[in-house]
Each structure stands twice: as structure tokens, then as C-alpha cells.
Amino acid sequence: MDKKTCMLERFSNFGIGIVLLLIGILFGIISFAFMPVIGLFIAIPVFLLGVAFLGAGRSKACTLITERTRKITTF
């Protein structure tokens, strides 16, 4: 694993989180109009999953790589 892979991991987690948040909000809006109970059973977990992806931490390998490269580049 290298530093470029770690950056891609961070961007993919952020991108997936944003998409899931938007889908959750969309399902929430639709659920109030068409199917209130069933729609909320879909909207709430998708919204929470989006929040989980946005708050996801780095993998252990990426944390080690970042710490190692930070020590090398710091003077």
C-alpha cells in the first residue's frame, strides 16, 4: 500500500458517504409523500450509513504510512 492508495481510500469513503446521504434525504422526502412508514424504514438506515461512511476512520495501514511519511518530510 502506498500514499496514493490511501488518498483514494479517503476520497472513496467521502464520495460514497455523500451519495448515501443524498439518497437517504431523497428517500425521506419521497416517504413523506407516498409511503410514510415503509419509506422511513428505507430512508433512515441509508442516511445513517452515509453518516458512517463520512465518519469512517482510516485503515491501520494508511495510518502507519501517513505517520511514517510525516516523520520523513518534517524538518
Protein backbone atom coordinates (compact mmCIF):
# COMPACT_ATOMS: atom_id res chain seq x y z
CA MET A 1 0.00 0.00 0.00
CA ASP A 2 1.28 3.46 -0.81
CA LYS A 3 0.24 7.03 -0.05
CA LYS A 4 -1.71 7.37 -3.31
CA THR A 5 -3.88 4.38 -2.40
CA CYS A 6 -4.60 5.93 0.99
CA MET A 7 -5.77 9.15 -0.65
CA LEU A 8 -8.06 7.18 -2.96
CA GLU A 9 -9.46 5.37 0.08
CA ARG A 10 -10.26 8.69 1.76
CA PHE A 11 -11.91 10.12 -1.37
CA SER A 12 -13.96 6.98 -1.98
CA ASN A 13 -15.26 6.94 1.60
CA PHE A 14 -16.20 10.62 1.30
CA GLY A 15 -17.85 10.14 -2.10
CA ILE A 16 -19.85 7.11 -1.04
CA GLY A 17 -20.91 8.93 2.14
CA ILE A 18 -22.18 11.96 0.23
CA VAL A 19 -24.08 9.80 -2.27
CA LEU A 20 -25.71 7.76 0.51
CA LEU A 21 -26.66 10.93 2.40
CA LEU A 22 -28.32 12.34 -0.70
CA ILE A 23 -30.17 9.08 -1.35
CA GLY A 24 -31.29 8.96 2.29
CA ILE A 25 -32.59 12.52 2.11
CA LEU A 26 -34.33 11.79 -1.19
CA PHE A 27 -35.99 8.67 0.24
CA GLY A 28 -37.00 10.68 3.30
CA ILE A 29 -38.72 13.31 1.19
CA ILE A 30 -40.41 10.72 -1.01
CA SER A 31 -41.51 8.70 2.01
CA PHE A 32 -43.50 11.60 3.45
CA ALA A 33 -45.37 11.99 0.18
CA PHE A 34 -46.08 8.43 -0.93
CA MET A 35 -45.37 5.71 1.62
CA PRO A 36 -44.66 7.15 5.07
CA VAL A 37 -43.91 4.03 7.08
CA ILE A 38 -42.13 1.86 4.53
CA GLY A 39 -40.16 4.79 3.11
CA LEU A 40 -38.77 5.74 6.51
CA PHE A 41 -37.65 2.15 7.09
CA ILE A 42 -35.52 2.57 3.97
CA ALA A 43 -34.51 6.22 4.39
CA ILE A 44 -33.23 6.13 7.96
CA PRO A 45 -30.73 3.24 7.54
CA VAL A 46 -29.41 4.68 4.26
CA PHE A 47 -28.95 8.09 5.88
CA LEU A 48 -27.15 6.56 8.88
CA LEU A 49 -24.94 4.52 6.57
CA GLY A 50 -23.96 7.72 4.77
CA VAL A 51 -23.03 9.34 8.08
CA ALA A 52 -20.99 6.24 8.98
CA PHE A 53 -19.03 6.47 5.72
CA LEU A 54 -18.33 10.16 6.27
CA GLY A 55 -17.06 9.46 9.77
CA ALA A 56 -15.09 6.36 8.82
CA GLY A 57 -11.52 6.40 10.01
CA ARG A 58 -8.50 5.40 8.03
CA SER A 59 -7.36 1.85 7.83
CA LYS A 60 -4.46 0.83 10.05
CA ALA A 61 -2.13 0.54 7.07
CA CYS A 62 -2.90 4.07 5.91
CA THR A 63 -2.43 5.43 9.42
CA LEU A 64 1.02 3.83 9.59
CA ILE A 65 2.01 5.10 6.15
CA THR A 66 0.87 8.64 6.98
CA GLU A 67 2.76 8.69 10.27
CA ARG A 68 5.90 7.30 8.65
CA THR A 69 5.87 9.79 5.76
CA ARG A 70 5.07 12.71 8.07
CA LYS A 71 8.22 11.99 10.09
CA ILE A 72 10.31 11.84 6.93
CA THR A 73 9.06 15.12 5.46
CA THR A 74 9.08 17.13 8.71
CA PHE A 75 12.29 19.00 9.37
